[in-house]
Amino acid sequence: MSTEAFLLEQLSQPGFHPGDELGSKLGISRVAVSKHMSALRKKGLPLVSVAGKGYRLEEGIVLLQQQAIAQRLATNDVPQPAAIHVHQQLPSTNSWLLEQPFFHNQAVICLAESQPAGRGRRERQWHASPYRNLLYSLSWRFGNWPGSLSAISLLAGLAVAESLEICGVEQVQIKWPNDIYLEGKKLGGLLVSAKGEASGACDLVIGVGINHQLLDEDATHIDQDWIDLQSLGYQIDRNLLAALISEACIDLLPKFEQKGFAPFVDAWNARGLYRNEKVRLFTSREGNNEEILGTCLGVDAEGVLHLRKDNGETLIIRDADMSMRPVPGL
């Protein structure tokens, strides 16, 4: 075990941990312990240090732990992941997993406490306060490319929504094509990356970001209405939430490969944000200012969005790069 890993393991235990005792266990000086703690603090670790007492984590902080997630998964009747990786910092959990081996019908899970280069749709930066939020990715291999790859983000959204509901979060909604909403504000997002030959196996990575607690200095960079779980009074163990999302994906993905999105369409539409409401769809791609107004009817058995225009015409929307917003006053 590295020095950093040892210190984090000690800090995950309640109470203060004196620097001299930590140094004795590691065979290093108290000054060296202080330098390691400073390095962890620079990574964003919410660390409290008090002279004469030592170090502890801020109240309410529970570190991500591979063992805690693995133990939860082991208690349920789902195929176990090939590996669970927990990193203190990664540029991007999705990018990291894309470079790792893939396994047919078996997951590899990756989490990071800090993700300075995390991205959402259209390469927008994903802002998350270190050690306080869920930065999660899961890789999976299908034997063949699915008929509707875009429906994977809908399926993943359903897995996340159901996992949050198990944790006691009420009235979770999913905004087409890949956002998680609570009380009309963005709680999280999803990003699906895929690679492989069209005639062969499909390797995909499902990335999930959930706002558990956003600090003000990070929230100032977000250009849309957002919400986090802590502001609503939810104190959820991120290890439990990671395990529940993993369980749901491991359960749903083989069913999706066999039967497509049809078995899940009703559950998704029941949580669909703006369903039966007037919305506008638009794209901000360079040279394309397309905008469509209509009533959101939800998605069909292929995961395709249906929109009814005022003249009664129903449009089929397959472009998942379009954004959806409600039409004010209607």
Protein backbone atom coordinates (compact mmCIF):
# COMPACT_ATOMS: atom_id res chain seq x y z
CA MET A 1 0.00 0.00 0.00
CA SER A 2 1.34 3.44 -0.94
CA THR A 3 1.81 6.17 1.64
CA GLU A 4 -1.10 8.11 0.17
CA ALA A 5 -3.38 5.07 0.20
CA PHE A 6 -2.43 4.31 3.80
CA LEU A 7 -3.15 7.85 4.95
CA LEU A 8 -6.52 7.87 3.19
CA GLU A 9 -7.39 4.53 4.75
CA GLN A 10 -6.54 5.92 8.19
CA LEU A 11 -8.50 9.12 7.56
CA SER A 12 -11.55 7.11 6.57
CA GLN A 13 -11.74 6.03 10.23
CA PRO A 14 -13.55 8.47 12.58
CA GLY A 15 -11.76 10.89 14.88
CA PHE A 16 -8.43 12.69 14.80
CA HIS A 17 -5.23 10.93 13.76
CA PRO A 18 -2.07 12.40 15.33
CA GLY A 19 0.77 13.04 12.91
CA ASP A 20 3.36 11.32 15.10
CA GLU A 21 1.26 8.15 15.31
CA LEU A 22 0.74 8.12 11.55
CA GLY A 23 4.46 8.66 11.06
CA SER A 24 5.30 5.81 13.43
CA LYS A 25 3.04 3.42 11.51
CA LEU A 26 4.63 4.49 8.22
CA GLY A 27 8.20 4.70 9.45
CA ILE A 28 8.49 8.37 8.50
CA SER A 29 8.72 11.63 10.43
CA ARG A 30 5.79 13.82 11.47
CA VAL A 31 7.13 16.48 9.09
CA ALA A 32 6.97 13.98 6.23
CA VAL A 33 3.37 13.15 7.20
CA SER A 34 2.58 16.87 7.08
CA LYS A 35 3.99 17.12 3.55
CA HIS A 36 1.87 14.18 2.38
CA MET A 37 -1.22 15.73 3.95
CA SER A 38 -0.48 19.03 2.21
CA ALA A 39 -0.26 17.20 -1.12
CA LEU A 40 -3.63 15.56 -0.48
CA ARG A 41 -5.15 18.91 0.48
CA LYS A 42 -3.92 20.39 -2.81
CA LYS A 43 -5.84 17.63 -4.61
CA GLY A 44 -8.98 18.87 -2.87
CA LEU A 45 -9.19 16.51 0.10
CA PRO A 46 -11.45 18.15 2.72
CA LEU A 47 -8.93 17.87 5.53
CA VAL A 48 -9.11 19.35 9.04
CA SER A 49 -5.88 19.70 11.04
CA VAL A 50 -5.74 20.83 14.67
CA ALA A 51 -2.52 21.34 16.60
CA GLY A 52 -2.17 18.76 19.34
CA LYS A 53 -4.90 16.54 17.88
CA GLY A 54 -3.87 15.68 14.33
CA TYR A 55 -5.86 15.22 11.15
CA ARG A 56 -9.38 14.18 10.23
CA LEU A 57 -11.80 14.58 7.35
CA GLU A 58 -14.48 17.25 7.37
CA GLU A 59 -17.78 16.19 8.92
CA GLY A 60 -19.95 14.21 6.52
CA ILE A 61 -17.14 13.27 4.11
CA VAL A 62 -17.02 9.56 3.27
CA LEU A 63 -14.24 8.55 0.90
CA LEU A 64 -14.82 6.28 -2.06
CA GLN A 65 -13.55 2.80 -1.24
CA GLN A 66 -13.15 -0.13 -3.61
CA GLN A 67 -13.80 -2.63 -0.83
CA ALA A 68 -17.07 -1.00 0.24
CA ILE A 69 -18.42 -1.08 -3.32
CA ALA A 70 -17.24 -4.65 -3.87
CA GLN A 71 -18.86 -5.85 -0.63
CA ARG A 72 -22.20 -4.36 -1.61
CA LEU A 73 -22.05 -5.94 -5.07
CA ALA A 74 -21.12 -9.32 -3.58
CA THR A 75 -24.35 -9.40 -1.57
CA ASN A 76 -26.55 -9.27 -4.66
CA ASP A 77 -27.29 -11.82 -7.33
CA VAL A 78 -25.59 -10.05 -10.23
CA PRO A 79 -22.45 -11.03 -12.15
CA GLN A 80 -19.46 -9.46 -10.45
CA PRO A 81 -17.39 -6.82 -12.27
CA ALA A 82 -13.99 -7.77 -13.61
CA ALA A 83 -12.45 -4.92 -11.62
CA ILE A 84 -13.29 -1.85 -9.56
CA HIS A 85 -10.81 1.02 -9.71
CA VAL A 86 -10.89 4.00 -7.34
CA HIS A 87 -8.50 6.85 -8.15
CA GLN A 88 -7.81 9.99 -6.19
CA GLN A 89 -7.52 11.94 -9.42
CA LEU A 90 -7.97 11.20 -13.11
CA PRO A 91 -8.31 13.58 -16.03
CA SER A 92 -11.42 11.62 -17.11
CA THR A 93 -12.84 8.30 -15.92
CA ASN A 94 -14.37 7.70 -19.36
CA SER A 95 -11.09 8.31 -21.17
CA TRP A 96 -9.18 6.11 -18.73
CA LEU A 97 -11.58 3.18 -19.15
CA LEU A 98 -11.50 3.45 -22.94
CA GLU A 99 -7.80 2.55 -22.74
CA GLN A 100 -8.35 -0.51 -20.54
CA PRO A 101 -9.32 -4.08 -21.55
CA PHE A 102 -13.01 -4.74 -22.22
CA PHE A 103 -14.89 -7.91 -21.32
CA HIS A 104 -18.00 -9.32 -22.96
CA ASN A 105 -20.99 -9.01 -20.62
CA GLN A 106 -18.74 -8.09 -17.71
CA ALA A 107 -18.24 -4.65 -16.27
CA VAL A 108 -15.16 -2.74 -15.28
CA ILE A 109 -15.90 0.16 -12.92
CA CYS A 110 -13.84 3.30 -12.44
CA LEU A 111 -14.36 6.14 -9.98
CA ALA A 112 -12.35 9.25 -9.24
CA GLU A 113 -12.46 11.66 -6.33
CA SER A 114 -11.31 14.46 -8.61
CA GLN A 115 -11.60 14.81 -12.38
CA PRO A 116 -10.11 18.06 -13.69
CA ALA A 117 -10.68 17.20 -17.37
CA GLY A 118 -14.14 15.65 -17.07
CA ARG A 119 -16.45 16.37 -19.99
CA GLY A 120 -20.12 16.31 -20.76
CA ARG A 121 -21.88 16.58 -24.10
CA ARG A 122 -20.23 18.64 -26.84
CA GLU A 123 -16.97 18.61 -24.85
CA ARG A 124 -18.32 20.93 -22.16
CA GLN A 125 -16.34 20.76 -18.93
CA TRP A 126 -17.99 18.90 -16.05
CA HIS A 127 -17.49 20.81 -12.79
CA ALA A 128 -17.45 18.85 -9.55
CA SER A 129 -15.94 19.64 -6.16
CA PRO A 130 -13.30 16.99 -5.31
CA TYR A 131 -14.16 14.26 -2.78
CA ARG A 132 -17.79 15.39 -2.58
CA ASN A 133 -19.50 14.12 -5.73
CA LEU A 134 -19.87 10.98 -7.81
CA LEU A 135 -17.57 10.72 -10.84
CA TYR A 136 -18.22 7.26 -12.19
CA SER A 137 -17.73 5.22 -15.35
CA LEU A 138 -18.52 1.63 -16.33
CA SER A 139 -17.22 -0.22 -19.36
CA TRP A 140 -19.05 -3.02 -21.18
CA ARG A 141 -18.65 -5.06 -24.34
CA PHE A 142 -21.57 -6.08 -26.55
CA GLY A 143 -21.02 -8.94 -28.97
CA ASN A 144 -22.47 -6.77 -31.76
CA TRP A 145 -23.29 -3.12 -32.22
CA PRO A 146 -26.79 -2.40 -30.87
CA GLY A 147 -29.43 -1.22 -33.30
CA SER A 148 -29.80 2.08 -31.45
CA LEU A 149 -26.63 3.11 -29.66
CA SER A 150 -28.19 6.43 -28.62
CA ALA A 151 -30.69 4.53 -26.46
CA ILE A 152 -27.81 3.47 -24.19
CA SER A 153 -27.79 6.92 -22.57
CA LEU A 154 -31.53 6.59 -21.93
CA LEU A 155 -31.01 3.17 -20.36
CA ALA A 156 -28.17 4.52 -18.22
CA GLY A 157 -30.35 7.43 -17.15
CA LEU A 158 -33.00 4.97 -16.02
CA ALA A 159 -30.39 2.99 -14.06
CA VAL A 160 -29.23 6.15 -12.29
CA ALA A 161 -32.76 7.34 -11.55
CA GLU A 162 -33.78 3.99 -10.07
CA SER A 163 -30.59 3.86 -7.98
CA LEU A 164 -31.26 7.32 -6.55
CA GLU A 165 -34.81 6.29 -5.75
CA ILE A 166 -33.55 3.27 -3.81
CA CYS A 167 -31.43 5.73 -1.79
CA GLY A 168 -34.60 7.62 -0.90
CA VAL A 169 -34.41 10.46 -3.43
CA GLU A 170 -37.94 11.27 -4.54
CA GLN A 171 -39.30 12.36 -7.92
CA VAL A 172 -36.13 11.91 -9.94
CA GLN A 173 -36.65 12.84 -13.59
CA ILE A 174 -34.67 12.19 -16.77
CA LYS A 175 -34.29 14.87 -19.42
CA TRP A 176 -33.76 13.66 -22.96
CA PRO A 177 -31.21 12.71 -23.99
CA ASN A 178 -28.89 12.33 -21.00
CA ASP A 179 -29.52 14.47 -17.93
CA ILE A 180 -30.81 13.69 -14.44
CA TYR A 181 -33.11 16.32 -12.91
CA LEU A 182 -34.56 17.03 -9.50
CA GLU A 183 -37.03 19.82 -8.74
CA GLY A 184 -36.58 21.16 -12.26
CA LYS A 185 -32.82 21.56 -11.93
CA LYS A 186 -29.88 19.50 -13.18
CA LEU A 187 -28.62 16.96 -10.67
CA GLY A 188 -26.38 14.94 -12.95
CA GLY A 189 -25.44 13.98 -16.46
CA LEU A 190 -24.39 11.01 -18.55
CA LEU A 191 -21.90 10.56 -21.35
CA VAL A 192 -21.66 7.38 -23.43
CA SER A 193 -18.49 6.69 -25.42
CA ALA A 194 -18.19 3.78 -27.85
CA LYS A 195 -15.55 2.22 -30.08
CA GLY A 196 -15.12 -0.87 -32.25
CA GLU A 197 -15.76 -2.14 -35.77
CA ALA A 198 -19.29 -1.81 -37.14
CA SER A 199 -19.36 -5.52 -37.99
CA GLY A 200 -17.84 -6.67 -34.70
CA ALA A 201 -18.00 -6.13 -30.97
CA CYS A 202 -19.08 -2.82 -29.49
CA ASP A 203 -17.04 -1.50 -26.59
CA LEU A 204 -18.79 1.23 -24.65
CA VAL A 205 -18.18 3.32 -21.57
CA ILE A 206 -21.03 4.88 -19.60
CA GLY A 207 -19.99 7.94 -17.64
CA VAL A 208 -22.09 9.34 -14.81
CA GLY A 209 -21.69 12.55 -12.85
CA ILE A 210 -23.93 13.22 -9.85
CA ASN A 211 -23.91 16.41 -7.77
CA HIS A 212 -23.76 15.27 -4.16
CA GLN A 213 -22.25 18.51 -2.85
CA LEU A 214 -21.02 21.39 -5.00
CA LEU A 215 -18.95 24.13 -3.39
CA ASP A 216 -19.66 27.73 -4.37
CA GLU A 217 -16.31 28.20 -6.14
CA ASP A 218 -17.08 25.28 -8.46
CA ALA A 219 -20.75 26.10 -8.96
CA THR A 220 -19.94 29.56 -10.32
CA HIS A 221 -18.66 27.92 -13.53
CA ILE A 222 -21.97 26.17 -14.27
CA ASP A 223 -24.13 27.98 -16.84
CA GLN A 224 -27.50 26.37 -16.07
CA ASP A 225 -29.78 25.77 -13.11
CA TRP A 226 -28.30 23.02 -10.95
CA ILE A 227 -29.02 21.29 -7.68
CA ASP A 228 -27.13 18.92 -5.39
CA LEU A 229 -28.32 16.23 -3.01
CA GLN A 230 -26.92 17.83 0.14
CA SER A 231 -28.82 21.09 -0.37
CA LEU A 232 -32.04 19.05 -0.28
CA GLY A 233 -31.04 17.27 2.91
CA TYR A 234 -29.98 13.97 1.34
CA GLN A 235 -26.87 12.41 2.88
CA ILE A 236 -26.09 9.46 0.62
CA ASP A 237 -23.05 7.23 0.86
CA ARG A 238 -21.39 7.58 -2.53
CA ASN A 239 -20.10 4.02 -2.27
CA LEU A 240 -23.67 2.75 -1.96
CA LEU A 241 -24.84 4.87 -4.89
CA ALA A 242 -21.93 3.65 -7.04
CA ALA A 243 -22.76 0.04 -6.17
CA LEU A 244 -26.46 0.51 -6.95
CA ILE A 245 -25.74 2.11 -10.34
CA SER A 246 -23.34 -0.75 -11.10
CA GLU A 247 -25.95 -3.34 -10.15
CA ALA A 248 -28.56 -1.68 -12.34
CA CYS A 249 -26.26 -1.42 -15.37
CA ILE A 250 -25.02 -5.01 -14.99
CA ASP A 251 -28.64 -6.16 -14.84
CA LEU A 252 -30.03 -4.00 -17.66
CA LEU A 253 -27.30 -4.09 -20.29
CA PRO A 254 -27.61 -7.83 -21.18
CA LYS A 255 -31.39 -7.38 -21.45
CA PHE A 256 -30.85 -4.41 -23.73
CA GLU A 257 -28.52 -6.44 -25.96
CA GLN A 258 -31.18 -9.14 -26.30
CA LYS A 259 -34.38 -7.10 -26.52
CA GLY A 260 -33.41 -3.50 -27.20
CA PHE A 261 -34.97 -0.54 -25.42
CA ALA A 262 -38.60 -1.69 -25.70
CA PRO A 263 -38.79 -3.32 -22.22
CA PHE A 264 -37.67 -0.06 -20.61
CA VAL A 265 -39.62 2.58 -22.54
CA ASP A 266 -42.55 2.85 -20.10
CA ALA A 267 -40.27 3.18 -17.07
CA TRP A 268 -38.26 5.88 -18.85
CA ASN A 269 -41.30 7.83 -20.01
CA ALA A 270 -42.78 7.74 -16.50
CA ARG A 271 -39.74 9.77 -15.40
CA GLY A 272 -39.38 11.84 -18.56
CA LEU A 273 -38.95 15.55 -17.86
CA TYR A 274 -41.25 17.85 -19.91
CA ARG A 275 -43.34 14.97 -21.20
CA ASN A 276 -46.64 16.34 -22.57
CA GLU A 277 -45.27 19.87 -22.19
CA LYS A 278 -44.40 22.46 -24.82
CA VAL A 279 -40.66 22.52 -25.50
CA ARG A 280 -38.14 23.83 -27.97
CA LEU A 281 -35.35 21.74 -29.42
CA PHE A 282 -32.29 23.51 -30.74
CA THR A 283 -28.70 22.92 -31.72
CA SER A 284 -25.76 25.21 -31.16
CA ARG A 285 -23.48 23.54 -33.68
CA GLU A 286 -21.57 25.99 -35.83
CA GLY A 287 -23.50 26.84 -38.97
CA ASN A 288 -26.68 25.15 -37.72
CA ASN A 289 -29.27 27.24 -35.88
CA GLU A 290 -32.13 24.79 -36.22
CA GLU A 291 -34.96 25.20 -33.70
CA ILE A 292 -38.12 23.14 -33.37
CA LEU A 293 -41.17 23.89 -31.21
CA GLY A 294 -43.67 21.26 -30.16
CA THR A 295 -45.10 19.10 -27.41
CA CYS A 296 -42.76 16.44 -26.02
CA LEU A 297 -44.45 13.04 -26.31
CA GLY A 298 -41.60 11.01 -24.81
CA VAL A 299 -39.55 8.30 -26.46
CA ASP A 300 -40.52 5.18 -28.37
CA ALA A 301 -39.37 1.55 -28.19
CA GLU A 302 -36.16 2.48 -30.04
CA GLY A 303 -35.37 5.32 -27.71
CA VAL A 304 -36.25 7.94 -30.33
CA LEU A 305 -37.88 11.18 -29.20
CA HIS A 306 -41.34 12.12 -30.54
CA LEU A 307 -42.44 15.74 -30.80
CA ARG A 308 -45.91 16.91 -31.87
CA LYS A 309 -46.03 20.27 -33.66
CA ASP A 310 -48.97 22.67 -33.34
CA ASN A 311 -50.29 21.55 -36.74
CA GLY A 312 -50.60 17.99 -35.45
CA GLU A 313 -47.55 16.66 -37.27
CA THR A 314 -45.39 14.31 -35.22
CA LEU A 315 -41.65 14.61 -35.68
CA ILE A 316 -39.15 11.86 -34.99
CA ILE A 317 -36.00 13.30 -33.39
CA ARG A 318 -32.90 11.15 -33.72
CA ASP A 319 -30.27 13.85 -33.30
CA ALA A 320 -29.16 13.42 -29.69
CA ASP A 321 -26.92 16.49 -30.02
CA MET A 322 -29.98 18.71 -29.84
CA SER A 323 -30.88 20.37 -26.54
CA MET A 324 -34.33 20.60 -24.98
CA ARG A 325 -35.77 23.53 -23.03
CA PRO A 326 -39.32 24.26 -21.85
CA VAL A 327 -41.27 27.04 -23.52
CA PRO A 328 -41.95 29.65 -20.78
CA GLY A 329 -45.55 30.47 -20.01
CA LEU A 330 -47.03 27.42 -21.72
